[in-house]
Amino acid sequence: MKESRDYLEMTFHSINCFSDDGTLDADELEKILDIAKRDGVVDDNEKRVLGNIIGQLSDKELRGELRRKVDEIKSEYDL
């Protein structure tokens, strides 16, 4: 089975999101997660990228809907 390279697309998408306005919102995070889920499996590389993206978020950003989405992702994917 060929290794998924979706994690590279996830990384590229996150860079574009952060460079756009310096932040990431819940919708952008959801789109990145959708890239990981589209083949039906969130593999270790995709989890690593999700963890790195979440790790870049500041406490100031982690409010409201984004906080709920991050908590959901951490719980579901054991990050």
PDB file of N, CA and C in Angstrom:
ATOM      1  N   MET A   1       0.838  -1.191   0.000  1.00  0.00           N
ATOM      2  CA  MET A   1       0.000   0.000   0.000  1.00  0.00           C
ATOM      3  C   MET A   1       0.881   1.251   0.000  1.00  0.00           C
ATOM      4  N   LYS A   2       0.526   2.196  -0.827  1.00  0.00           N
ATOM      5  CA  LYS A   2       1.287   3.435  -0.953  1.00  0.00           C
ATOM      6  C   LYS A   2       1.011   4.346   0.242  1.00  0.00           C
ATOM      7  N   GLU A   3       2.065   4.928   0.760  1.00  0.00           N
ATOM      8  CA  GLU A   3       1.926   5.844   1.898  1.00  0.00           C
ATOM      9  C   GLU A   3       1.207   7.122   1.468  1.00  0.00           C
ATOM     10  N   SER A   4       0.276   7.545   2.297  1.00  0.00           N
ATOM     11  CA  SER A   4      -0.451   8.789   2.043  1.00  0.00           C
ATOM     12  C   SER A   4       0.495   9.968   2.187  1.00  0.00           C
ATOM     13  N   ARG A   5       0.338  10.911   1.298  1.00  0.00           N
ATOM     14  CA  ARG A   5       1.138  12.138   1.375  1.00  0.00           C
ATOM     15  C   ARG A   5       0.254  13.329   1.722  1.00  0.00           C
ATOM     16  N   ASP A   6      -0.935  13.029   2.237  1.00  0.00           N
ATOM     17  CA  ASP A   6      -1.864  14.089   2.625  1.00  0.00           C
ATOM     18  C   ASP A   6      -1.256  15.020   3.665  1.00  0.00           C
ATOM     19  N   TYR A   7      -0.355  14.491   4.498  1.00  0.00           N
ATOM     20  CA  TYR A   7       0.243  15.327   5.529  1.00  0.00           C
ATOM     21  C   TYR A   7       1.011  16.501   4.920  1.00  0.00           C
ATOM     22  N   LEU A   8       1.562  16.297   3.726  1.00  0.00           N
ATOM     23  CA  LEU A   8       2.261  17.400   3.052  1.00  0.00           C
ATOM     24  C   LEU A   8       1.267  18.477   2.623  1.00  0.00           C
ATOM     25  N   GLU A   9       0.121  18.043   2.103  1.00  0.00           N
ATOM     26  CA  GLU A   9      -0.920  19.003   1.726  1.00  0.00           C
ATOM     27  C   GLU A   9      -1.450  19.730   2.960  1.00  0.00           C
ATOM     28  N   MET A  10      -1.591  19.008   4.062  1.00  0.00           N
ATOM     29  CA  MET A  10      -2.046  19.623   5.316  1.00  0.00           C
ATOM     30  C   MET A  10      -1.067  20.709   5.752  1.00  0.00           C
ATOM     31  N   THR A  11       0.211  20.389   5.694  1.00  0.00           N
ATOM     32  CA  THR A  11       1.245  21.345   6.092  1.00  0.00           C
ATOM     33  C   THR A  11       1.202  22.584   5.203  1.00  0.00           C
ATOM     34  N   PHE A  12       1.125  22.369   3.901  1.00  0.00           N
ATOM     35  CA  PHE A  12       1.063  23.477   2.951  1.00  0.00           C
ATOM     36  C   PHE A  12      -0.163  24.349   3.221  1.00  0.00           C
ATOM     37  N   HIS A  13      -1.311  23.714   3.437  1.00  0.00           N
ATOM     38  CA  HIS A  13      -2.546  24.465   3.703  1.00  0.00           C
ATOM     39  C   HIS A  13      -2.417  25.281   4.992  1.00  0.00           C
ATOM     40  N   SER A  14      -1.817  24.695   6.022  1.00  0.00           N
ATOM     41  CA  SER A  14      -1.672  25.426   7.289  1.00  0.00           C
ATOM     42  C   SER A  14      -0.750  26.632   7.139  1.00  0.00           C
ATOM     43  N   ILE A  15       0.300  26.475   6.354  1.00  0.00           N
ATOM     44  CA  ILE A  15       1.222  27.601   6.120  1.00  0.00           C
ATOM     45  C   ILE A  15       0.471  28.741   5.447  1.00  0.00           C
ATOM     46  N   ASN A  16      -0.357  28.391   4.466  1.00  0.00           N
ATOM     47  CA  ASN A  16      -1.148  29.424   3.781  1.00  0.00           C
ATOM     48  C   ASN A  16      -2.108  30.105   4.750  1.00  0.00           C
ATOM     49  N   CYS A  17      -2.740  29.339   5.616  1.00  0.00           N
ATOM     50  CA  CYS A  17      -3.680  29.914   6.583  1.00  0.00           C
ATOM     51  C   CYS A  17      -2.979  30.865   7.541  1.00  0.00           C
ATOM     52  N   PHE A  18      -1.855  30.416   8.100  1.00  0.00           N
ATOM     53  CA  PHE A  18      -1.120  31.251   9.054  1.00  0.00           C
ATOM     54  C   PHE A  18      -0.540  32.493   8.372  1.00  0.00           C
ATOM     55  N   SER A  19      -0.077  32.341   7.129  1.00  0.00           N
ATOM     56  CA  SER A  19       0.540  33.491   6.465  1.00  0.00           C
ATOM     57  C   SER A  19      -0.503  34.506   5.993  1.00  0.00           C
ATOM     58  N   ASP A  20      -1.737  34.052   5.833  1.00  0.00           N
ATOM     59  CA  ASP A  20      -2.817  34.934   5.395  1.00  0.00           C
ATOM     60  C   ASP A  20      -3.037  36.071   6.388  1.00  0.00           C
ATOM     61  N   ASP A  21      -3.282  35.725   7.655  1.00  0.00           N
ATOM     62  CA  ASP A  21      -3.527  36.760   8.665  1.00  0.00           C
ATOM     63  C   ASP A  21      -2.810  36.485   9.983  1.00  0.00           C
ATOM     64  N   GLY A  22      -1.913  35.508   9.975  1.00  0.00           N
ATOM     65  CA  GLY A  22      -1.135  35.198  11.168  1.00  0.00           C
ATOM     66  C   GLY A  22      -1.851  34.315  12.177  1.00  0.00           C
ATOM     67  N   THR A  23      -3.079  33.945  11.855  1.00  0.00           N
ATOM     68  CA  THR A  23      -3.850  33.118  12.775  1.00  0.00           C
ATOM     69  C   THR A  23      -4.515  31.965  12.024  1.00  0.00           C
ATOM     70  N   LEU A  24      -5.124  31.100  12.793  1.00  0.00           N
ATOM     71  CA  LEU A  24      -5.871  29.977  12.250  1.00  0.00           C
ATOM     72  C   LEU A  24      -7.234  29.994  12.923  1.00  0.00           C
ATOM     73  N   ASP A  25      -8.289  29.848  12.149  1.00  0.00           N
ATOM     74  CA  ASP A  25      -9.617  29.801  12.770  1.00  0.00           C
ATOM     75  C   ASP A  25     -10.181  28.384  12.691  1.00  0.00           C
ATOM     76  N   ALA A  26     -11.332  28.174  13.311  1.00  0.00           N
ATOM     77  CA  ALA A  26     -11.921  26.836  13.391  1.00  0.00           C
ATOM     78  C   ALA A  26     -12.235  26.269  12.014  1.00  0.00           C
ATOM     79  N   ASP A  27     -12.710  27.102  11.094  1.00  0.00           N
ATOM     80  CA  ASP A  27     -13.013  26.621   9.741  1.00  0.00           C
ATOM     81  C   ASP A  27     -11.755  26.165   9.010  1.00  0.00           C
ATOM     82  N   GLU A  28     -10.680  26.921   9.162  1.00  0.00           N
ATOM     83  CA  GLU A  28      -9.415  26.540   8.526  1.00  0.00           C
ATOM     84  C   GLU A  28      -8.887  25.232   9.116  1.00  0.00           C
ATOM     85  N   LEU A  29      -8.988  25.085  10.423  1.00  0.00           N
ATOM     86  CA  LEU A  29      -8.550  23.846  11.063  1.00  0.00           C
ATOM     87  C   LEU A  29      -9.404  22.674  10.585  1.00  0.00           C
ATOM     88  N   GLU A  30     -10.688  22.897  10.429  1.00  0.00           N
ATOM     89  CA  GLU A  30     -11.588  21.853   9.935  1.00  0.00           C
ATOM     90  C   GLU A  30     -11.197  21.420   8.521  1.00  0.00           C
ATOM     91  N   LYS A  31     -10.834  22.369   7.677  1.00  0.00           N
ATOM     92  CA  LYS A  31     -10.407  22.033   6.313  1.00  0.00           C
ATOM     93  C   LYS A  31      -9.126  21.205   6.325  1.00  0.00           C
ATOM     94  N   ILE A  32      -8.212  21.524   7.222  1.00  0.00           N
ATOM     95  CA  ILE A  32      -6.976  20.746   7.349  1.00  0.00           C
ATOM     96  C   ILE A  32      -7.296  19.333   7.828  1.00  0.00           C
ATOM     97  N   LEU A  33      -8.194  19.218   8.790  1.00  0.00           N
ATOM     98  CA  LEU A  33      -8.610  17.911   9.282  1.00  0.00           C
ATOM     99  C   LEU A  33      -9.301  17.109   8.178  1.00  0.00           C
ATOM    100  N   ASP A  34     -10.097  17.770   7.359  1.00  0.00           N
ATOM    101  CA  ASP A  34     -10.765  17.091   6.238  1.00  0.00           C
ATOM    102  C   ASP A  34      -9.759  16.464   5.281  1.00  0.00           C
ATOM    103  N   ILE A  35      -8.631  17.135   5.055  1.00  0.00           N
ATOM    104  CA  ILE A  35      -7.575  16.569   4.207  1.00  0.00           C
ATOM    105  C   ILE A  35      -7.088  15.258   4.820  1.00  0.00           C
ATOM    106  N   ALA A  36      -6.885  15.252   6.130  1.00  0.00           N
ATOM    107  CA  ALA A  36      -6.405  14.047   6.818  1.00  0.00           C
ATOM    108  C   ALA A  36      -7.427  12.915   6.740  1.00  0.00           C
ATOM    109  N   LYS A  37      -8.703  13.250   6.833  1.00  0.00           N
ATOM    110  CA  LYS A  37      -9.753  12.223   6.908  1.00  0.00           C
ATOM    111  C   LYS A  37     -10.237  11.711   5.559  1.00  0.00           C
ATOM    112  N   ARG A  38      -9.873  12.363   4.473  1.00  0.00           N
ATOM    113  CA  ARG A  38     -10.500  12.029   3.196  1.00  0.00           C
ATOM    114  C   ARG A  38     -10.218  10.618   2.694  1.00  0.00           C
ATOM    115  N   ASP A  39      -9.122  10.004   3.129  1.00  0.00           N
ATOM    116  CA  ASP A  39      -8.866   8.620   2.720  1.00  0.00           C
ATOM    117  C   ASP A  39      -9.392   7.615   3.750  1.00  0.00           C
ATOM    118  N   GLY A  40     -10.086   8.121   4.761  1.00  0.00           N
ATOM    119  CA  GLY A  40     -10.703   7.249   5.747  1.00  0.00           C
ATOM    120  C   GLY A  40      -9.835   6.912   6.944  1.00  0.00           C
ATOM    121  N   VAL A  41      -8.575   7.323   6.910  1.00  0.00           N
ATOM    122  CA  VAL A  41      -7.641   7.021   7.999  1.00  0.00           C
ATOM    123  C   VAL A  41      -6.817   8.265   8.312  1.00  0.00           C
ATOM    124  N   VAL A  42      -6.706   8.581   9.596  1.00  0.00           N
ATOM    125  CA  VAL A  42      -5.794   9.645  10.015  1.00  0.00           C
ATOM    126  C   VAL A  42      -4.545   8.942  10.531  1.00  0.00           C
ATOM    127  N   ASP A  43      -3.498   8.949   9.693  1.00  0.00           N
ATOM    128  CA  ASP A  43      -2.287   8.187  10.022  1.00  0.00           C
ATOM    129  C   ASP A  43      -1.354   8.980  10.943  1.00  0.00           C
ATOM    130  N   ASP A  44      -0.247   8.342  11.320  1.00  0.00           N
ATOM    131  CA  ASP A  44       0.686   8.963  12.271  1.00  0.00           C
ATOM    132  C   ASP A  44       1.270  10.281  11.754  1.00  0.00           C
ATOM    133  N   ASN A  45       1.598  10.344  10.460  1.00  0.00           N
ATOM    134  CA  ASN A  45       2.128  11.598   9.908  1.00  0.00           C
ATOM    135  C   ASN A  45       1.092  12.709   9.989  1.00  0.00           C
ATOM    136  N   GLU A  46      -0.149  12.383   9.685  1.00  0.00           N
ATOM    137  CA  GLU A  46      -1.214  13.384   9.747  1.00  0.00           C
ATOM    138  C   GLU A  46      -1.461  13.827  11.186  1.00  0.00           C
ATOM    139  N   LYS A  47      -1.401  12.895  12.123  1.00  0.00           N
ATOM    140  CA  LYS A  47      -1.546  13.246  13.545  1.00  0.00           C
ATOM    141  C   LYS A  47      -0.404  14.150  13.988  1.00  0.00           C
ATOM    142  N   ARG A  48       0.796  13.853  13.529  1.00  0.00           N
ATOM    143  CA  ARG A  48       1.963  14.667  13.877  1.00  0.00           C
ATOM    144  C   ARG A  48       1.773  16.093  13.368  1.00  0.00           C
ATOM    145  N   VAL A  49       1.315  16.226  12.126  1.00  0.00           N
ATOM    146  CA  VAL A  49       1.091  17.550  11.546  1.00  0.00           C
ATOM    147  C   VAL A  49      -0.011  18.284  12.311  1.00  0.00           C
ATOM    148  N   LEU A  50      -1.105  17.592  12.617  1.00  0.00           N
ATOM    149  CA  LEU A  50      -2.180  18.216  13.404  1.00  0.00           C
ATOM    150  C   LEU A  50      -1.644  18.710  14.745  1.00  0.00           C
ATOM    151  N   GLY A  51      -0.847  17.875  15.406  1.00  0.00           N
ATOM    152  CA  GLY A  51      -0.256  18.264  16.691  1.00  0.00           C
ATOM    153  C   GLY A  51       0.641  19.480  16.561  1.00  0.00           C
ATOM    154  N   ASN A  52       1.429  19.532  15.491  1.00  0.00           N
ATOM    155  CA  ASN A  52       2.312  20.682  15.266  1.00  0.00           C
ATOM    156  C   ASN A  52       1.514  21.957  15.010  1.00  0.00           C
ATOM    157  N   ILE A  53       0.453  21.819  14.230  1.00  0.00           N
ATOM    158  CA  ILE A  53      -0.390  22.980  13.936  1.00  0.00           C
ATOM    159  C   ILE A  53      -1.039  23.493  15.218  1.00  0.00           C
ATOM    160  N   ILE A  54      -1.602  22.586  15.983  1.00  0.00           N
ATOM    161  CA  ILE A  54      -2.252  22.971  17.242  1.00  0.00           C
ATOM    162  C   ILE A  54      -1.233  23.595  18.190  1.00  0.00           C
ATOM    163  N   GLY A  55      -0.015  23.067  18.190  1.00  0.00           N
ATOM    164  CA  GLY A  55       1.039  23.591  19.050  1.00  0.00           C
ATOM    165  C   GLY A  55       1.452  25.012  18.716  1.00  0.00           C
ATOM    166  N   GLN A  56       1.157  25.469  17.505  1.00  0.00           N
ATOM    167  CA  GLN A  56       1.505  26.837  17.095  1.00  0.00           C
ATOM    168  C   GLN A  56       0.462  27.860  17.516  1.00  0.00           C
ATOM    169  N   LEU A  57      -0.681  27.385  17.979  1.00  0.00           N
ATOM    170  CA  LEU A  57      -1.760  28.297  18.352  1.00  0.00           C
ATOM    171  C   LEU A  57      -1.480  28.932  19.708  1.00  0.00           C
ATOM    172  N   SER A  58      -1.722  30.214  19.797  1.00  0.00           N
ATOM    173  CA  SER A  58      -1.496  30.931  21.054  1.00  0.00           C
ATOM    174  C   SER A  58      -2.722  30.799  21.952  1.00  0.00           C
ATOM    175  N   ASP A  59      -2.534  31.044  23.234  1.00  0.00           N
ATOM    176  CA  ASP A  59      -3.654  31.029  24.176  1.00  0.00           C
ATOM    177  C   ASP A  59      -4.715  32.048  23.760  1.00  0.00           C
ATOM    178  N   LYS A  60      -4.259  33.153  23.197  1.00  0.00           N
ATOM    179  CA  LYS A  60      -5.188  34.197  22.750  1.00  0.00           C
ATOM    180  C   LYS A  60      -6.098  33.684  21.635  1.00  0.00           C
ATOM    181  N   GLU A  61      -5.530  32.868  20.734  1.00  0.00           N
ATOM    182  CA  GLU A  61      -6.313  32.306  19.632  1.00  0.00           C
ATOM    183  C   GLU A  61      -7.267  31.208  20.095  1.00  0.00           C
ATOM    184  N   LEU A  62      -6.837  30.482  21.119  1.00  0.00           N
ATOM    185  CA  LEU A  62      -7.593  29.300  21.553  1.00  0.00           C
ATOM    186  C   LEU A  62      -8.787  29.678  22.415  1.00  0.00           C
ATOM    187  N   ARG A  63      -9.775  30.235  21.751  1.00  0.00           N
ATOM    188  CA  ARG A  63     -11.008  30.646  22.426  1.00  0.00           C
ATOM    189  C   ARG A  63     -12.192  30.207  21.597  1.00  0.00           C
ATOM    190  N   GLY A  64     -13.318  30.061  22.242  1.00  0.00           N
ATOM    191  CA  GLY A  64     -14.575  29.801  21.548  1.00  0.00           C
ATOM    192  C   GLY A  64     -14.551  28.555  20.684  1.00  0.00           C
ATOM    193  N   GLU A  65     -14.976  28.724  19.447  1.00  0.00           N
ATOM    194  CA  GLU A  65     -15.128  27.611  18.509  1.00  0.00           C
ATOM    195  C   GLU A  65     -13.799  26.911  18.241  1.00  0.00           C
ATOM    196  N   LEU A  66     -12.710  27.670  18.114  1.00  0.00           N
ATOM    197  CA  LEU A  66     -11.403  27.053  17.856  1.00  0.00           C
ATOM    198  C   LEU A  66     -10.990  26.185  19.042  1.00  0.00           C
ATOM    199  N   ARG A  67     -11.205  26.650  20.260  1.00  0.00           N
ATOM    200  CA  ARG A  67     -10.885  25.868  21.463  1.00  0.00           C
ATOM    201  C   ARG A  67     -11.667  24.548  21.456  1.00  0.00           C
ATOM    202  N   ARG A  68     -12.963  24.614  21.133  1.00  0.00           N
ATOM    203  CA  ARG A  68     -13.790  23.403  21.096  1.00  0.00           C
ATOM    204  C   ARG A  68     -13.278  22.420  20.035  1.00  0.00           C
ATOM    205  N   LYS A  69     -12.913  22.947  18.863  1.00  0.00           N
ATOM    206  CA  LYS A  69     -12.421  22.098  17.773  1.00  0.00           C
ATOM    207  C   LYS A  69     -11.095  21.452  18.158  1.00  0.00           C
ATOM    208  N   VAL A  70     -10.193  22.217  18.744  1.00  0.00           N
ATOM    209  CA  VAL A  70      -8.894  21.689  19.164  1.00  0.00           C
ATOM    210  C   VAL A  70      -9.086  20.600  20.221  1.00  0.00           C
ATOM    211  N   ASP A  71      -9.938  20.844  21.202  1.00  0.00           N
ATOM    212  CA  ASP A  71     -10.190  19.845  22.243  1.00  0.00           C
ATOM    213  C   ASP A  71     -10.773  18.568  21.646  1.00  0.00           C
ATOM    214  N   GLU A  72     -11.671  18.717  20.680  1.00  0.00           N
ATOM    215  CA  GLU A  72     -12.279  17.571  20.008  1.00  0.00           C
ATOM    216  C   GLU A  72     -11.217  16.760  19.260  1.00  0.00           C
ATOM    217  N   ILE A  73     -10.351  17.444  18.533  1.00  0.00           N
ATOM    218  CA  ILE A  73      -9.292  16.781  17.763  1.00  0.00           C
ATOM    219  C   ILE A  73      -8.311  16.078  18.703  1.00  0.00           C
ATOM    220  N   LYS A  74      -7.900  16.759  19.760  1.00  0.00           N
ATOM    221  CA  LYS A  74      -6.965  16.153  20.722  1.00  0.00           C
ATOM    222  C   LYS A  74      -7.535  14.883  21.313  1.00  0.00           C
ATOM    223  N   SER A  75      -8.801  14.922  21.664  1.00  0.00           N
ATOM    224  CA  SER A  75      -9.455  13.774  22.263  1.00  0.00           C
ATOM    225  C   SER A  75      -9.618  12.634  21.263  1.00  0.00           C
ATOM    226  N   GLU A  76     -10.122  12.956  20.077  1.00  0.00           N
ATOM    227  CA  GLU A  76     -10.412  11.928  19.085  1.00  0.00           C
ATOM    228  C   GLU A  76      -9.157  11.256  18.550  1.00  0.00           C
ATOM    229  N   TYR A  77      -8.072  12.013  18.403  1.00  0.00           N
ATOM    230  CA  TYR A  77      -6.854  11.478  17.787  1.00  0.00           C
ATOM    231  C   TYR A  77      -5.702  11.309  18.774  1.00  0.00           C
ATOM    232  N   ASP A  78      -6.015  11.418  20.056  1.00  0.00           N
ATOM    233  CA  ASP A  78      -5.029  11.174  21.113  1.00  0.00           C
ATOM    234  C   ASP A  78      -3.764  12.006  20.919  1.00  0.00           C
ATOM    235  N   LEU A  79      -3.961  13.306  20.757  1.00  0.00           N
ATOM    236  CA  LEU A  79      -2.813  14.219  20.563  1.00  0.00           C
ATOM    237  C   LEU A  79      -2.411  14.859  21.867  1.00  0.00           C
TER     238      LEU A  79
END
